[in-house]
Protein backbone atom coordinates (compact mmCIF):
# COMPACT_ATOMS: atom_id res chain seq x y z
CA MET A 1 14.79 20.92 13.61
CA ILE A 2 13.45 18.04 14.69
CA ARG A 3 13.15 17.09 18.03
CA THR A 4 12.83 13.06 17.76
CA GLY A 5 10.96 11.99 20.58
CA ALA A 6 7.93 14.35 20.38
CA LEU A 7 5.07 12.20 20.33
CA ALA A 8 6.28 9.72 22.28
CA GLN A 9 3.71 10.18 24.79
CA LEU A 10 1.05 9.34 21.83
CA ARG A 11 2.66 5.94 21.43
CA PHE A 12 0.34 2.93 20.90
CA PRO A 13 1.55 1.13 24.37
CA VAL A 14 1.73 -2.98 22.90
CA GLU A 15 0.31 -3.91 26.45
CA ARG A 16 -2.65 -1.53 25.97
CA SER A 17 -3.32 -4.56 22.21
CA LEU A 18 -6.92 -5.05 22.53
CA GLY A 19 -5.72 -8.69 21.85
CA ARG A 20 -5.66 -11.49 19.30
CA ARG A 21 -9.02 -13.80 18.20
CA PHE A 22 -6.86 -16.29 20.23
CA PRO A 23 -5.43 -16.19 23.05
CA GLU A 24 -1.55 -17.56 22.14
CA SER A 25 1.75 -17.38 25.14
CA LEU A 26 4.36 -14.84 24.29
CA PRO A 27 7.47 -15.92 24.15
CA SER A 28 9.87 -13.66 26.30
CA PHE A 29 12.13 -12.34 22.79
CA ARG A 30 9.34 -10.74 20.80
CA ASN A 31 6.62 -8.12 22.14
CA ASP A 32 2.94 -9.05 19.74
CA PHE A 33 3.65 -6.77 17.21
CA GLN A 34 7.20 -8.12 16.49
CA ARG A 35 5.24 -11.30 16.20
CA ASP A 36 3.07 -9.81 13.95
CA ARG A 37 5.03 -8.63 12.21
CA ASP A 38 7.24 -11.54 11.33
CA ARG A 39 4.05 -13.85 10.41
CA ILE A 40 3.53 -10.49 7.46
CA VAL A 41 6.60 -11.55 6.47
CA HIS A 42 6.40 -15.05 6.59
CA SER A 43 3.00 -15.56 4.75
CA ARG A 44 2.57 -16.55 1.09
CA ALA A 45 0.42 -13.15 0.08
CA PHE A 46 3.37 -11.13 1.44
CA ARG A 47 5.90 -13.55 -0.88
CA ARG A 48 3.63 -13.27 -3.90
CA LEU A 49 3.96 -9.02 -3.86
CA GLU A 50 7.35 -10.03 -5.83
CA ALA A 51 5.14 -10.90 -8.70
CA LYS A 52 2.70 -8.40 -8.94
CA THR A 53 2.64 -4.87 -10.62
CA GLN A 54 3.04 -1.86 -9.10
CA VAL A 55 2.75 0.76 -12.21
CA PHE A 56 5.45 -0.56 -14.79
CA PRO A 57 4.39 -4.53 -15.90
CA ALA A 58 7.36 -6.94 -15.94
CA GLY A 59 9.15 -7.58 -18.71
CA ILE A 60 9.62 -4.07 -19.37
CA SER A 61 12.75 -3.52 -17.05
CA ASP A 62 14.37 -5.52 -14.20
CA HIS A 63 14.79 -2.59 -11.79
CA PHE A 64 11.75 -1.57 -11.52
CA ARG A 65 9.90 -1.69 -9.02
CA ASN A 66 7.24 -4.60 -8.36
CA ARG A 67 4.81 -4.80 -5.57
CA LEU A 68 6.95 -6.05 -3.02
CA THR A 69 9.97 -3.15 -3.31
CA HIS A 70 7.73 -1.13 -2.69
CA THR A 71 6.49 -2.73 0.03
CA LEU A 72 9.85 -2.57 1.68
CA GLU A 73 10.45 0.92 0.59
CA VAL A 74 7.50 2.50 2.49
CA ALA A 75 8.58 -0.44 5.48
CA GLN A 76 11.70 1.43 5.42
CA LEU A 77 9.96 5.67 5.07
CA ALA A 78 7.69 4.43 7.67
CA ARG A 79 10.43 3.08 10.87
CA THR A 80 11.69 6.16 10.01
CA ALA A 81 8.87 8.07 10.78
CA ALA A 82 7.92 6.37 13.66
CA ARG A 83 11.60 6.10 15.22
CA VAL A 84 11.87 9.73 15.19
CA LEU A 85 8.20 10.86 16.06
CA GLY A 86 8.85 8.11 19.42
CA VAL A 87 5.36 6.19 18.21
CA ASP A 88 6.05 2.54 17.83
CA GLU A 89 7.82 1.28 14.97
CA ASP A 90 7.82 -2.73 15.34
CA LEU A 91 3.61 -1.51 14.89
CA THR A 92 4.03 0.60 12.57
CA GLU A 93 6.31 -1.89 10.54
CA ALA A 94 3.31 -4.55 10.41
CA LEU A 95 1.07 -2.05 9.11
CA ALA A 96 3.78 -0.87 6.51
CA LEU A 97 4.79 -4.74 5.37
CA ALA A 98 0.73 -5.54 5.53
CA HIS A 99 -0.89 -2.16 3.72
CA ASP A 100 -0.73 -4.32 0.20
CA ILE A 101 -1.39 -7.64 -0.05
CA GLY A 102 -4.66 -7.71 -0.60
CA HIS A 103 -3.63 -5.97 -3.97
CA PRO A 104 -5.21 -8.20 -7.40
CA PRO A 105 -2.81 -8.75 -10.05
CA PHE A 106 -1.88 -5.78 -12.22
CA ALA A 107 -2.02 -3.23 -10.03
CA HIS A 108 -5.07 -1.00 -9.46
CA SER A 109 -6.60 -2.11 -12.91
CA GLY A 110 -6.74 -5.97 -11.27
CA GLU A 111 -8.29 -4.23 -8.25
CA ALA A 112 -10.67 -1.56 -10.58
CA ALA A 113 -11.69 -4.90 -12.80
CA LEU A 114 -12.62 -6.76 -10.14
CA ASN A 115 -14.44 -4.23 -8.10
CA GLN A 116 -16.65 -3.46 -11.39
CA ILE A 117 -17.53 -7.24 -12.17
CA LEU A 118 -18.83 -7.43 -8.37
CA ALA A 119 -20.62 -4.53 -8.22
CA ARG A 120 -23.14 -6.71 -10.92
CA PHE A 121 -23.69 -8.93 -7.89
CA GLY A 122 -24.17 -6.11 -5.60
CA GLU A 123 -20.76 -6.77 -3.67
CA ARG A 124 -17.75 -4.61 -3.80
CA PHE A 125 -13.91 -4.88 -4.07
CA GLU A 126 -11.48 -3.20 -2.28
CA HIS A 127 -8.39 -3.70 -1.62
CA ASN A 128 -7.69 -3.58 2.35
CA VAL A 129 -11.00 -5.44 3.11
CA HIS A 130 -9.23 -8.23 0.56
CA ALA A 131 -6.19 -7.92 2.95
CA LEU A 132 -7.98 -7.85 6.52
CA ARG A 133 -9.92 -11.20 4.43
CA ILE A 134 -6.13 -12.35 4.03
CA VAL A 135 -4.92 -12.81 7.36
CA GLU A 136 -7.78 -13.70 9.30
CA ALA A 137 -8.83 -16.81 6.64
CA PHE A 138 -7.02 -17.89 3.65
CA GLU A 139 -3.54 -17.75 5.05
CA HIS A 140 -3.17 -21.52 6.67
CA ARG A 141 0.15 -21.49 9.14
CA TYR A 142 -0.47 -22.54 12.18
CA ALA A 143 -2.89 -25.32 13.99
CA MET A 144 -4.50 -23.91 16.31
CA TYR A 145 -6.73 -21.11 14.15
CA PRO A 146 -7.11 -20.20 10.69
CA GLY A 147 -4.76 -16.88 9.52
CA LEU A 148 -2.41 -15.39 11.02
CA ASN A 149 -4.33 -14.18 14.00
CA LEU A 150 -2.67 -11.00 14.36
CA CYS A 151 -3.73 -8.39 17.18
CA PHE A 152 -6.44 -6.28 16.59
CA GLU A 153 -4.52 -2.79 16.65
CA VAL A 154 -2.56 -4.58 13.56
CA ARG A 155 -5.86 -5.68 11.69
CA GLU A 156 -7.49 -1.85 12.35
CA GLY A 157 -4.60 -0.62 10.63
CA ILE A 158 -4.70 -2.68 7.10
CA VAL A 159 -8.82 -1.81 7.00
CA LYS A 160 -8.77 1.54 8.37
CA HIS A 161 -4.90 3.46 7.18
CA SER A 162 -5.68 5.23 4.20
CA ARG A 163 -9.67 5.86 5.69
CA ASP A 164 -11.77 6.44 8.54
CA LEU A 165 -14.64 4.33 8.79
CA PRO A 166 -17.77 7.29 9.85
CA GLN A 167 -20.20 7.39 12.80
CA GLY A 168 -22.84 4.53 12.50
CA TYR A 169 -21.40 2.51 10.14
CA ALA A 170 -22.53 -1.50 10.19
CA GLY A 171 -21.17 -3.62 7.82
CA PRO A 172 -18.51 -6.51 8.39
CA LEU A 173 -15.72 -4.20 9.67
CA GLU A 174 -17.79 -2.98 12.32
CA GLU A 175 -15.95 -4.50 15.13
CA TYR A 176 -13.44 -2.08 13.75
CA LEU A 177 -13.86 0.89 16.48
CA PRO A 178 -16.18 3.10 13.52
CA GLY A 179 -16.24 7.21 14.28
CA LEU A 180 -13.50 6.60 15.89
CA ARG A 181 -9.66 6.95 14.19
CA PRO A 182 -6.97 4.62 13.89
CA PRO A 183 -3.81 5.85 16.22
CA ILE A 184 -1.40 7.30 14.78
CA GLU A 185 1.16 4.45 13.88
CA ALA A 186 -1.75 3.71 11.19
CA GLN A 187 -2.06 7.12 9.69
CA LEU A 188 1.54 6.86 8.63
CA ILE A 189 1.32 4.62 6.26
CA ASP A 190 -0.80 6.56 4.03
CA LEU A 191 1.63 9.75 3.53
CA VAL A 192 4.70 7.05 3.77
CA ASP A 193 2.94 5.50 1.21
CA GLU A 194 2.69 8.58 -1.52
CA ILE A 195 6.32 9.44 -0.54
CA ALA A 196 7.08 6.20 -1.96
CA TYR A 197 5.27 5.76 -4.66
CA ASN A 198 5.58 9.19 -6.08
CA THR A 199 9.60 9.95 -6.12
CA ALA A 200 9.91 5.53 -6.95
CA ASP A 201 7.30 6.28 -9.58
CA VAL A 202 9.08 9.80 -11.04
CA ASP A 203 12.73 7.92 -11.29
CA ASP A 204 11.53 4.97 -12.91
CA ALA A 205 9.14 6.33 -15.24
CA HIS A 206 12.91 9.06 -15.92
CA GLU A 207 14.20 5.46 -16.41
CA ALA A 208 11.53 4.74 -19.02
CA GLY A 209 12.09 7.72 -21.27
CA PHE A 210 8.84 8.87 -20.32
CA PHE A 211 10.26 12.70 -19.81
CA GLN A 212 13.19 14.77 -19.14
CA LEU A 213 14.12 16.41 -16.13
CA SER A 214 13.71 19.36 -17.09
CA GLU A 215 9.99 18.90 -18.08
CA LEU A 216 9.49 17.56 -14.16
CA THR A 217 11.20 20.63 -13.27
CA ALA A 218 8.86 22.41 -15.02
CA ALA A 219 5.68 21.45 -13.09
CA VAL A 220 7.13 20.79 -9.38
CA PRO A 221 8.62 23.77 -8.21
CA MET A 222 10.33 22.44 -5.39
CA ALA A 223 11.71 19.88 -7.87
CA ALA A 224 13.28 22.74 -10.08
CA SER A 225 14.84 24.12 -6.93
CA ILE A 226 16.42 20.34 -5.39
CA LEU A 227 17.93 20.19 -9.27
CA GLU A 228 19.53 23.40 -9.63
CA GLU A 229 21.49 23.26 -6.92
CA VAL A 230 23.03 19.47 -7.99
CA GLU A 231 23.64 20.65 -10.59
CA THR A 232 25.56 23.21 -9.18
CA ASN A 233 27.29 21.20 -6.82
CA PHE A 234 27.41 17.74 -9.68
CA PRO A 235 28.04 19.42 -12.54
CA ALA A 236 29.93 16.54 -14.37
CA SER A 237 27.48 13.65 -13.21
CA GLU A 238 25.02 12.04 -15.81
CA GLU A 239 21.92 13.10 -15.22
CA ARG A 240 20.61 9.62 -13.73
CA ILE A 241 23.01 10.48 -11.61
CA HIS A 242 21.14 14.26 -11.03
CA LEU A 243 18.12 12.41 -10.09
CA HIS A 244 19.18 10.20 -8.17
CA GLU A 245 20.55 13.11 -6.10
CA MET A 246 17.37 15.33 -6.60
CA GLN A 247 15.04 12.19 -5.62
CA ARG A 248 17.52 12.19 -2.23
CA ARG A 249 16.55 14.90 -1.66
CA LEU A 250 13.33 15.17 -2.67
CA ILE A 251 12.50 11.86 0.06
CA ASP A 252 14.50 14.26 2.74
CA HIS A 253 12.06 16.93 2.03
CA LEU A 254 8.24 15.40 1.56
CA MET A 255 9.49 13.13 5.15
CA ARG A 256 9.86 16.33 6.52
CA GLY A 257 7.20 18.07 5.47
CA LEU A 258 4.96 14.55 7.23
CA MET A 259 6.92 15.01 10.27
CA GLU A 260 6.96 18.23 11.30
CA GLY A 261 3.19 18.77 9.80
CA THR A 262 2.33 15.90 12.34
CA ILE A 263 4.22 17.63 15.21
CA GLY A 264 2.47 20.86 14.12
CA ALA A 265 -1.25 18.86 13.61
CA CYS A 266 -1.05 16.72 17.59
CA THR A 267 0.30 20.29 19.23
CA ALA A 268 -2.18 22.07 17.56
CA ALA A 269 -4.60 19.42 18.46
CA GLY A 270 -3.25 19.02 22.48
CA VAL A 271 -3.57 15.45 22.15
CA ALA A 272 -2.18 13.94 25.20
CA ASP A 273 -2.44 10.31 24.41
CA VAL A 274 -3.60 7.42 22.48
CA ASP A 275 -7.19 7.62 23.70
CA SER A 276 -7.60 11.62 22.31
CA VAL A 277 -5.66 10.71 19.12
CA ARG A 278 -8.80 7.93 18.06
CA ALA A 279 -11.23 11.34 19.29
CA TRP A 280 -10.10 13.86 17.20
CA PRO A 281 -12.62 15.03 14.85
CA GLU A 282 -10.47 14.16 11.72
CA ARG A 283 -6.52 12.29 11.11
CA LEU A 284 -3.76 14.29 12.54
CA VAL A 285 -0.53 12.84 10.78
CA ARG A 286 -0.23 15.04 8.04
CA PHE A 287 2.26 17.18 5.49
CA THR A 288 3.57 21.20 5.46
CA ALA A 289 1.57 23.35 3.49
CA GLU A 290 5.06 22.74 1.71
CA ALA A 291 5.43 19.16 1.10
CA ALA A 292 1.42 18.59 1.01
CA GLU A 293 1.99 21.52 -2.58
CA THR A 294 4.98 19.32 -3.56
CA SER A 295 3.33 16.41 -2.88
CA ALA A 296 0.12 17.21 -5.10
CA ALA A 297 2.52 18.88 -8.03
CA MET A 298 4.19 15.31 -8.31
CA LYS A 299 1.01 13.56 -8.84
CA LYS A 300 -0.36 15.66 -11.16
CA PHE A 301 2.61 15.97 -13.48
CA LEU A 302 2.63 11.93 -13.47
CA HIS A 303 -0.93 10.97 -13.58
CA ALA A 304 -0.20 13.37 -17.39
CA ARG A 305 3.00 12.84 -18.36
CA VAL A 306 3.06 8.08 -16.94
CA TYR A 307 0.08 6.73 -15.95
CA HIS A 308 -2.46 8.13 -18.61
CA THR A 309 0.59 7.61 -21.07
CA GLU A 310 -0.81 5.54 -23.79
CA ILE A 311 1.59 2.43 -23.52
CA LEU A 312 -0.06 2.04 -19.81
CA VAL A 313 -3.22 3.09 -20.86
CA GLU A 314 -3.65 0.37 -23.25
CA GLU A 315 -1.76 -2.37 -20.86
CA ARG A 316 -4.22 -1.42 -18.25
CA ASP A 317 -6.97 -2.13 -21.11
CA GLN A 318 -5.35 -5.39 -22.01
CA SER A 319 -5.40 -6.88 -18.18
CA ALA A 320 -8.75 -5.48 -17.49
CA LYS A 321 -10.36 -7.16 -20.22
CA ALA A 322 -8.70 -10.92 -19.30
CA ILE A 323 -9.70 -10.16 -15.71
CA GLN A 324 -13.46 -10.13 -17.12
CA ARG A 325 -13.04 -12.96 -19.93
CA LEU A 326 -11.85 -15.55 -17.37
CA PHE A 327 -13.99 -14.90 -14.87
CA GLU A 328 -17.12 -15.54 -16.99
CA TYR A 329 -15.22 -18.32 -17.97
CA LEU A 330 -15.02 -19.22 -14.08
CA LEU A 331 -18.71 -18.64 -13.72
CA GLU A 332 -19.70 -21.54 -16.25
CA ASN A 333 -17.04 -23.58 -15.02
CA PRO A 334 -16.84 -23.40 -11.12
CA THR A 335 -15.58 -26.96 -10.35
CA GLN A 336 -12.22 -24.65 -11.92
CA VAL A 337 -12.48 -22.28 -9.10
CA PRO A 338 -10.25 -23.68 -6.27
CA GLY A 339 -11.84 -23.65 -2.17
CA ASP A 340 -15.28 -25.27 -1.11
CA GLU A 341 -18.53 -24.31 -2.30
CA GLY A 342 -19.29 -22.57 0.99
CA GLU A 343 -16.74 -19.76 1.59
CA GLY A 344 -19.33 -17.55 -0.06
CA SER A 345 -20.75 -16.93 -3.22
CA LEU A 346 -19.46 -18.02 -6.34
CA PRO A 347 -18.25 -14.49 -7.55
CA ARG A 348 -16.48 -14.02 -4.85
CA ARG A 349 -15.08 -16.99 -4.56
CA ILE A 350 -13.85 -16.37 -7.89
CA THR A 351 -12.79 -13.12 -7.20
CA ASP A 352 -10.58 -14.51 -4.17
CA TYR A 353 -9.38 -17.01 -7.10
CA ILE A 354 -8.13 -14.35 -8.72
CA ALA A 355 -7.38 -11.11 -6.67
CA SER A 356 -4.97 -13.82 -5.24
CA MET A 357 -2.78 -14.61 -8.38
CA THR A 358 0.17 -13.13 -9.31
CA ASP A 359 0.62 -11.52 -12.74
CA SER A 360 2.60 -14.53 -13.54
CA TYR A 361 0.05 -16.72 -12.11
CA PHE A 362 -2.28 -15.51 -14.08
CA ARG A 363 -0.76 -15.90 -17.12
CA ARG A 364 -0.71 -19.31 -16.89
CA VAL A 365 -4.39 -19.91 -15.85
CA TYR A 366 -5.18 -18.09 -18.57
CA ALA A 367 -3.40 -19.25 -21.04
CA GLN A 368 -4.54 -22.86 -20.04
CA LEU A 369 -7.78 -21.90 -19.98
CA LEU A 370 -8.54 -19.79 -22.49
CA PRO A 371 -5.79 -19.65 -25.23
CA GLN A 372 -7.19 -18.78 -27.90
CA PHE A 373 -7.18 -15.20 -25.92
CA THR A 374 -3.64 -15.22 -24.86
CA PRO A 375 -2.02 -13.42 -27.50
CA SER A 376 -3.80 -10.39 -26.41
CA LEU A 377 -2.22 -10.24 -22.75
CA ARG A 378 1.32 -9.18 -23.44
CA SER A 379 3.78 -11.70 -20.87
């Protein structure tokens, strides 16, 4: 039984925020983290997630997750974990909602393609860093400052929710406390994200016909145990209902494992406040051994039976080639690139332009500028 509020002493106090780049007055009915959550939801970058691929490209089914619905599922689970543990729910929700806004079109294949292209120019593309640039500069909604003017802890969580900056780091993210861990609220996002995409991808891939339930249960022992219980309790239900019942229980198993594992790690470490969480030599949010084993088995199964299947590999290859072609075209025709020449090197400006696109907008631009290649990019 998980004791509600077990980590309340590690809650990040909103009044201790290091604040915004540009000071603002605070309205009486929302605190700073609530305002940041709302600014993210109202941003264009957040709305664009609706037309960006999660795993399966648009056109296969209207029911599969896109990047926006995935984000909402992450936010739902993250809020639950924060509420049960007793840490700040508003900060956690803001980070969950922002965690994918830096993704380019065509999911991870788009990110890999842009990173490979930029490497030729001695630069890199990384979606968390791009997300920071979006909230710092690219969103234009306010008269008094550029970007969304988010609190330091939200900006820090955007770049550090899935990785730490090593001690001695010197670079564009240097202000975000290299050598220190982010608060528990930010640490939660990476594993909650893992729970959301593992269970959702099982759901979508099964509906797409990539595997039978018997194949999943042969690879994931916890799924087998859960399915046996489900089939015993609901023998007349069809396989699709058995899957959904199993998925619900898998989410509960993984979420419980996340919260129990985190409480156990924090208790063993003896951390008493946010400062001791930051100073601890490793992250404290983690699964129990059993939940970690289930999550790892699910990922292994999905990589073997879904992500590396011929149809998705072909889709990713087509997308990467299209991004490469559009990049080369824009490099040779810089007047087609929006923005000011003072906003960085031409390769970086082109990358920012492509990364901002939804899948559908990319296809429209591609068809307009490179009509001879358009049939090779599946719509």
